[in-house]
N, C-alpha and C. Protein backbone atom coordinates (compact mmCIF):
# COMPACT_ATOMS: atom_id res chain seq x y z
N MET A 1 0.84 -1.16 0.00
CA MET A 1 0.00 0.00 0.00
C MET A 1 0.89 1.23 0.00
N SER A 2 0.29 2.31 -0.36
CA SER A 2 0.98 3.60 -0.32
C SER A 2 0.08 4.60 0.36
N LYS A 3 0.68 5.65 0.84
CA LYS A 3 -0.07 6.76 1.43
C LYS A 3 -0.14 7.88 0.40
N THR A 4 -1.17 8.69 0.52
CA THR A 4 -1.38 9.79 -0.43
C THR A 4 -0.37 10.92 -0.16
N ASP A 5 -0.27 11.82 -1.12
CA ASP A 5 0.60 12.98 -0.94
C ASP A 5 0.16 13.81 0.26
N ASP A 6 -1.16 13.90 0.49
CA ASP A 6 -1.65 14.64 1.66
C ASP A 6 -1.10 14.05 2.96
N TRP A 7 -0.99 12.74 3.03
CA TRP A 7 -0.43 12.09 4.23
C TRP A 7 1.02 12.52 4.44
N TRP A 8 1.80 12.48 3.40
CA TRP A 8 3.23 12.79 3.53
C TRP A 8 3.47 14.28 3.78
N ARG A 9 2.49 15.14 3.46
CA ARG A 9 2.64 16.57 3.77
C ARG A 9 2.43 16.85 5.26
N LYS A 10 1.79 15.92 5.98
CA LYS A 10 1.60 16.09 7.42
C LYS A 10 2.94 15.86 8.12
N ASP A 11 3.16 16.57 9.23
CA ASP A 11 4.40 16.31 9.96
C ASP A 11 4.28 14.96 10.67
N TRP A 12 5.40 14.42 11.09
CA TRP A 12 5.43 13.06 11.65
C TRP A 12 4.55 12.93 12.88
N MET A 13 4.45 13.98 13.68
CA MET A 13 3.66 13.89 14.91
C MET A 13 2.16 13.80 14.59
N GLU A 14 1.70 14.57 13.63
CA GLU A 14 0.29 14.49 13.25
C GLU A 14 -0.02 13.12 12.65
N ARG A 15 0.87 12.59 11.81
CA ARG A 15 0.64 11.26 11.25
C ARG A 15 0.53 10.23 12.37
N HIS A 16 1.33 10.36 13.39
CA HIS A 16 1.31 9.40 14.50
C HIS A 16 -0.03 9.40 15.25
N THR A 17 -0.69 10.55 15.30
CA THR A 17 -1.95 10.63 16.05
C THR A 17 -3.04 9.77 15.44
N TYR A 18 -2.94 9.42 14.18
CA TYR A 18 -3.96 8.60 13.54
C TYR A 18 -3.97 7.16 14.05
N PHE A 19 -2.96 6.76 14.76
CA PHE A 19 -2.91 5.41 15.29
C PHE A 19 -3.68 5.29 16.60
N LEU A 20 -4.02 6.42 17.20
CA LEU A 20 -4.67 6.44 18.51
C LEU A 20 -6.12 6.88 18.38
N PRO A 21 -6.95 6.58 19.39
CA PRO A 21 -8.34 7.05 19.36
C PRO A 21 -8.40 8.58 19.33
N ARG A 22 -9.49 9.09 18.78
CA ARG A 22 -9.73 10.54 18.76
C ARG A 22 -10.97 10.84 19.58
N TYR A 23 -10.93 11.96 20.29
CA TYR A 23 -12.01 12.35 21.20
C TYR A 23 -12.48 13.76 20.88
N ASP A 24 -13.77 14.02 21.13
CA ASP A 24 -14.28 15.37 20.95
C ASP A 24 -14.03 16.19 22.23
N ASP A 25 -14.51 17.42 22.24
CA ASP A 25 -14.27 18.30 23.38
C ASP A 25 -14.98 17.85 24.66
N HIS A 26 -15.91 16.91 24.54
CA HIS A 26 -16.64 16.41 25.70
C HIS A 26 -16.08 15.07 26.19
N GLY A 27 -14.97 14.65 25.61
CA GLY A 27 -14.34 13.39 26.04
C GLY A 27 -14.95 12.15 25.42
N ARG A 28 -15.83 12.31 24.43
CA ARG A 28 -16.42 11.15 23.76
C ARG A 28 -15.53 10.72 22.61
N MET A 29 -15.31 9.42 22.50
CA MET A 29 -14.49 8.91 21.40
C MET A 29 -15.22 9.14 20.08
N THR A 30 -14.53 9.77 19.14
CA THR A 30 -15.11 10.00 17.82
C THR A 30 -14.62 8.98 16.80
N SER A 31 -13.46 8.40 17.02
CA SER A 31 -12.96 7.32 16.17
C SER A 31 -11.95 6.50 16.96
N GLU A 32 -11.86 5.24 16.60
CA GLU A 32 -10.97 4.32 17.31
C GLU A 32 -9.50 4.50 16.93
N GLY A 33 -9.25 4.93 15.71
CA GLY A 33 -7.88 4.99 15.24
C GLY A 33 -7.39 3.61 14.83
N HIS A 34 -6.19 3.57 14.30
CA HIS A 34 -5.61 2.34 13.77
C HIS A 34 -5.50 1.26 14.85
N ALA A 35 -4.97 1.62 16.02
CA ALA A 35 -4.67 0.62 17.05
C ALA A 35 -5.92 -0.09 17.56
N LEU A 36 -6.95 0.65 17.93
CA LEU A 36 -8.16 0.00 18.44
C LEU A 36 -8.94 -0.71 17.34
N SER A 37 -8.89 -0.18 16.12
CA SER A 37 -9.58 -0.85 15.01
C SER A 37 -9.00 -2.23 14.75
N ALA A 38 -7.72 -2.39 14.99
CA ALA A 38 -7.03 -3.66 14.74
C ALA A 38 -6.92 -4.54 15.98
N ALA A 39 -7.45 -4.11 17.10
CA ALA A 39 -7.24 -4.80 18.38
C ALA A 39 -7.70 -6.26 18.37
N ALA A 40 -8.76 -6.58 17.65
CA ALA A 40 -9.26 -7.96 17.64
C ALA A 40 -8.23 -8.95 17.10
N GLY A 41 -7.31 -8.46 16.28
CA GLY A 41 -6.31 -9.34 15.69
C GLY A 41 -5.06 -9.55 16.53
N ILE A 42 -4.90 -8.81 17.60
CA ILE A 42 -3.66 -8.90 18.38
C ILE A 42 -3.38 -10.32 18.87
N PRO A 43 -4.37 -11.04 19.42
CA PRO A 43 -4.04 -12.36 19.93
C PRO A 43 -3.83 -13.44 18.87
N CYS A 44 -4.25 -13.19 17.63
CA CYS A 44 -4.24 -14.30 16.67
C CYS A 44 -3.61 -14.00 15.31
N LEU A 45 -3.22 -12.78 15.04
CA LEU A 45 -2.63 -12.45 13.74
C LEU A 45 -1.16 -12.10 13.90
N LEU A 46 -0.35 -12.66 13.03
CA LEU A 46 1.06 -12.29 12.94
C LEU A 46 1.18 -11.31 11.78
N ARG A 47 1.79 -10.15 12.02
CA ARG A 47 1.95 -9.16 10.97
C ARG A 47 3.40 -8.74 10.86
N ARG A 48 3.86 -8.62 9.65
CA ARG A 48 5.16 -8.04 9.35
C ARG A 48 4.94 -6.95 8.32
N THR A 49 5.49 -5.78 8.57
CA THR A 49 5.38 -4.68 7.63
C THR A 49 6.77 -4.31 7.15
N TYR A 50 6.91 -4.24 5.85
CA TYR A 50 8.17 -3.86 5.23
C TYR A 50 7.98 -2.48 4.62
N ARG A 51 8.91 -1.60 4.89
CA ARG A 51 8.80 -0.21 4.43
C ARG A 51 9.77 0.03 3.29
N SER A 52 9.39 0.94 2.44
CA SER A 52 10.30 1.37 1.38
C SER A 52 11.53 2.00 2.01
N LEU A 53 12.65 1.95 1.32
CA LEU A 53 13.86 2.57 1.85
C LEU A 53 13.72 4.07 2.00
N THR A 54 12.84 4.66 1.19
CA THR A 54 12.53 6.09 1.32
C THR A 54 11.03 6.24 1.49
N GLN A 55 10.64 7.27 2.22
CA GLN A 55 9.22 7.54 2.38
C GLN A 55 8.95 8.99 2.07
N PRO A 56 8.08 9.28 1.12
CA PRO A 56 7.33 8.30 0.35
C PRO A 56 8.23 7.52 -0.62
N ALA A 57 7.71 6.38 -1.05
CA ALA A 57 8.45 5.54 -1.99
C ALA A 57 8.52 6.24 -3.35
N PRO A 58 9.50 5.90 -4.15
CA PRO A 58 9.57 6.46 -5.51
C PRO A 58 8.31 6.12 -6.31
N ALA A 59 8.00 6.92 -7.28
CA ALA A 59 6.82 6.71 -8.12
C ALA A 59 6.80 5.28 -8.65
N GLY A 60 5.62 4.67 -8.61
CA GLY A 60 5.47 3.32 -9.12
C GLY A 60 5.81 2.22 -8.12
N GLN A 61 6.25 2.60 -6.93
CA GLN A 61 6.57 1.62 -5.89
C GLN A 61 5.63 1.84 -4.71
N TYR A 62 5.65 0.90 -3.77
CA TYR A 62 4.78 0.97 -2.61
C TYR A 62 5.54 1.47 -1.40
N ASP A 63 4.83 2.23 -0.54
CA ASP A 63 5.42 2.71 0.71
C ASP A 63 5.57 1.57 1.71
N PHE A 64 4.61 0.64 1.73
CA PHE A 64 4.59 -0.45 2.69
C PHE A 64 4.09 -1.73 2.02
N VAL A 65 4.62 -2.84 2.44
CA VAL A 65 4.08 -4.16 2.10
C VAL A 65 3.87 -4.87 3.43
N SER A 66 2.65 -5.34 3.66
CA SER A 66 2.34 -6.04 4.91
C SER A 66 2.06 -7.50 4.62
N TYR A 67 2.54 -8.34 5.51
CA TYR A 67 2.38 -9.78 5.42
C TYR A 67 1.70 -10.25 6.70
N PHE A 68 0.68 -11.07 6.57
CA PHE A 68 -0.06 -11.57 7.73
C PHE A 68 -0.09 -13.09 7.71
N GLU A 69 -0.08 -13.68 8.89
CA GLU A 69 -0.30 -15.11 9.05
C GLU A 69 -1.30 -15.31 10.18
N CYS A 70 -2.11 -16.38 10.04
CA CYS A 70 -3.02 -16.77 11.11
C CYS A 70 -3.47 -18.21 10.85
N ARG A 71 -4.06 -18.80 11.89
CA ARG A 71 -4.64 -20.13 11.73
C ARG A 71 -5.87 -20.02 10.83
N ASP A 72 -6.24 -21.10 10.19
CA ASP A 72 -7.44 -21.08 9.35
C ASP A 72 -8.66 -20.62 10.13
N ALA A 73 -8.75 -21.02 11.39
CA ALA A 73 -9.89 -20.64 12.22
C ALA A 73 -9.95 -19.14 12.48
N ASP A 74 -8.83 -18.44 12.31
CA ASP A 74 -8.78 -17.00 12.58
C ASP A 74 -8.90 -16.14 11.33
N VAL A 75 -9.12 -16.76 10.18
CA VAL A 75 -9.29 -15.99 8.94
C VAL A 75 -10.46 -15.00 9.06
N PRO A 76 -11.61 -15.38 9.65
CA PRO A 76 -12.68 -14.38 9.82
C PRO A 76 -12.24 -13.17 10.64
N THR A 77 -11.41 -13.38 11.65
CA THR A 77 -10.89 -12.25 12.43
C THR A 77 -10.01 -11.37 11.57
N PHE A 78 -9.19 -11.98 10.72
CA PHE A 78 -8.35 -11.22 9.80
C PHE A 78 -9.22 -10.31 8.93
N HIS A 79 -10.29 -10.86 8.37
CA HIS A 79 -11.18 -10.05 7.52
C HIS A 79 -11.90 -8.98 8.33
N GLN A 80 -12.26 -9.29 9.56
CA GLN A 80 -12.89 -8.31 10.45
C GLN A 80 -11.94 -7.14 10.70
N VAL A 81 -10.69 -7.44 10.98
CA VAL A 81 -9.69 -6.39 11.22
C VAL A 81 -9.49 -5.56 9.96
N CYS A 82 -9.37 -6.21 8.82
CA CYS A 82 -9.20 -5.46 7.57
C CYS A 82 -10.38 -4.52 7.32
N ALA A 83 -11.59 -5.01 7.55
CA ALA A 83 -12.78 -4.16 7.37
C ALA A 83 -12.77 -2.99 8.33
N ALA A 84 -12.38 -3.23 9.57
CA ALA A 84 -12.33 -2.14 10.56
C ALA A 84 -11.28 -1.10 10.17
N LEU A 85 -10.14 -1.54 9.69
CA LEU A 85 -9.10 -0.59 9.29
C LEU A 85 -9.52 0.22 8.07
N ARG A 86 -10.29 -0.37 7.18
CA ARG A 86 -10.74 0.33 5.98
C ARG A 86 -11.92 1.25 6.22
N ASP A 87 -12.54 1.16 7.38
CA ASP A 87 -13.70 1.98 7.74
C ASP A 87 -13.20 3.35 8.21
N VAL A 88 -13.34 4.37 7.37
CA VAL A 88 -12.79 5.69 7.72
C VAL A 88 -13.48 6.33 8.92
N ALA A 89 -14.69 5.89 9.26
CA ALA A 89 -15.33 6.41 10.48
C ALA A 89 -14.62 5.86 11.72
N ARG A 90 -14.18 4.63 11.65
CA ARG A 90 -13.45 4.04 12.78
C ARG A 90 -11.97 4.38 12.73
N ASN A 91 -11.41 4.46 11.53
CA ASN A 91 -9.98 4.66 11.34
C ASN A 91 -9.75 5.73 10.27
N PRO A 92 -9.76 7.01 10.65
CA PRO A 92 -9.63 8.09 9.67
C PRO A 92 -8.35 8.03 8.84
N GLU A 93 -7.34 7.34 9.32
CA GLU A 93 -6.09 7.19 8.56
C GLU A 93 -6.35 6.63 7.16
N TRP A 94 -7.38 5.79 7.03
CA TRP A 94 -7.59 5.10 5.76
C TRP A 94 -7.93 6.06 4.61
N ARG A 95 -8.33 7.28 4.93
CA ARG A 95 -8.56 8.27 3.86
C ARG A 95 -7.29 8.55 3.08
N PHE A 96 -6.15 8.25 3.67
CA PHE A 96 -4.85 8.56 3.08
C PHE A 96 -4.16 7.34 2.49
N VAL A 97 -4.88 6.22 2.38
CA VAL A 97 -4.28 4.97 1.92
C VAL A 97 -4.70 4.68 0.49
N ARG A 98 -3.73 4.24 -0.30
CA ARG A 98 -4.00 3.70 -1.64
C ARG A 98 -3.56 2.24 -1.59
N GLU A 99 -4.52 1.34 -1.66
CA GLU A 99 -4.21 -0.08 -1.56
C GLU A 99 -3.58 -0.59 -2.85
N GLY A 100 -2.72 -1.55 -2.68
CA GLY A 100 -2.16 -2.28 -3.81
C GLY A 100 -2.85 -3.63 -3.92
N PRO A 101 -2.27 -4.53 -4.66
CA PRO A 101 -2.88 -5.85 -4.82
C PRO A 101 -2.79 -6.65 -3.52
N THR A 102 -3.72 -7.58 -3.36
CA THR A 102 -3.69 -8.49 -2.21
C THR A 102 -3.59 -9.92 -2.73
N TRP A 103 -3.02 -10.77 -1.91
CA TRP A 103 -2.90 -12.18 -2.24
C TRP A 103 -3.18 -12.96 -0.97
N HIS A 104 -3.99 -14.00 -1.10
CA HIS A 104 -4.32 -14.85 0.04
C HIS A 104 -3.84 -16.26 -0.28
N GLY A 105 -3.24 -16.89 0.68
CA GLY A 105 -2.78 -18.26 0.52
C GLY A 105 -2.93 -18.99 1.83
N ARG A 106 -2.50 -20.22 1.85
CA ARG A 106 -2.49 -20.96 3.11
C ARG A 106 -1.29 -21.87 3.13
N ARG A 107 -0.80 -22.11 4.31
CA ARG A 107 0.37 -22.96 4.51
C ARG A 107 -0.09 -24.40 4.65
N VAL A 108 0.59 -25.31 4.00
CA VAL A 108 0.27 -26.73 4.07
C VAL A 108 1.55 -27.52 4.33
N ALA A 109 1.36 -28.74 4.78
CA ALA A 109 2.51 -29.59 5.11
C ALA A 109 3.06 -30.32 3.89
N SER A 110 2.26 -30.48 2.84
CA SER A 110 2.72 -31.21 1.66
C SER A 110 2.07 -30.67 0.40
N TRP A 111 2.65 -31.02 -0.75
CA TRP A 111 2.06 -30.62 -2.02
C TRP A 111 0.67 -31.22 -2.19
N GLU A 112 0.51 -32.47 -1.76
CA GLU A 112 -0.79 -33.11 -1.89
C GLU A 112 -1.87 -32.34 -1.14
N GLU A 113 -1.54 -31.88 0.06
CA GLU A 113 -2.50 -31.14 0.87
C GLU A 113 -2.86 -29.81 0.22
N LEU A 114 -1.95 -29.24 -0.53
CA LEU A 114 -2.21 -27.96 -1.20
C LEU A 114 -3.38 -28.08 -2.17
N PHE A 115 -3.51 -29.21 -2.81
CA PHE A 115 -4.52 -29.38 -3.85
C PHE A 115 -5.74 -30.18 -3.40
N THR A 116 -5.90 -30.36 -2.10
CA THR A 116 -7.09 -31.08 -1.61
C THR A 116 -8.11 -30.11 -1.06
């Protein structure tokens, strides 16, 4: 995925605030932010994020590539977390995201199991 030019024009501290919940003047949460939106996946999803050597990445390249692993039983949680992160009401950061391609696979013990 990549972030929009508007994202990169923000200073680092403002970008960081998108990971945390946001509150109105009365102390009511207005959005969960990245961290709380993804909280359901903490116990069961393994994530690795690889960043471009420069940020933003050069034209035609991605700023980030994320890799996830989970048990088959936790795939619904993975999709739940992805939906929560893409919901701009819950996670305003997503307004600044340009998604790239996605690929889903599963780990198997043998070639035979791959095709069953």
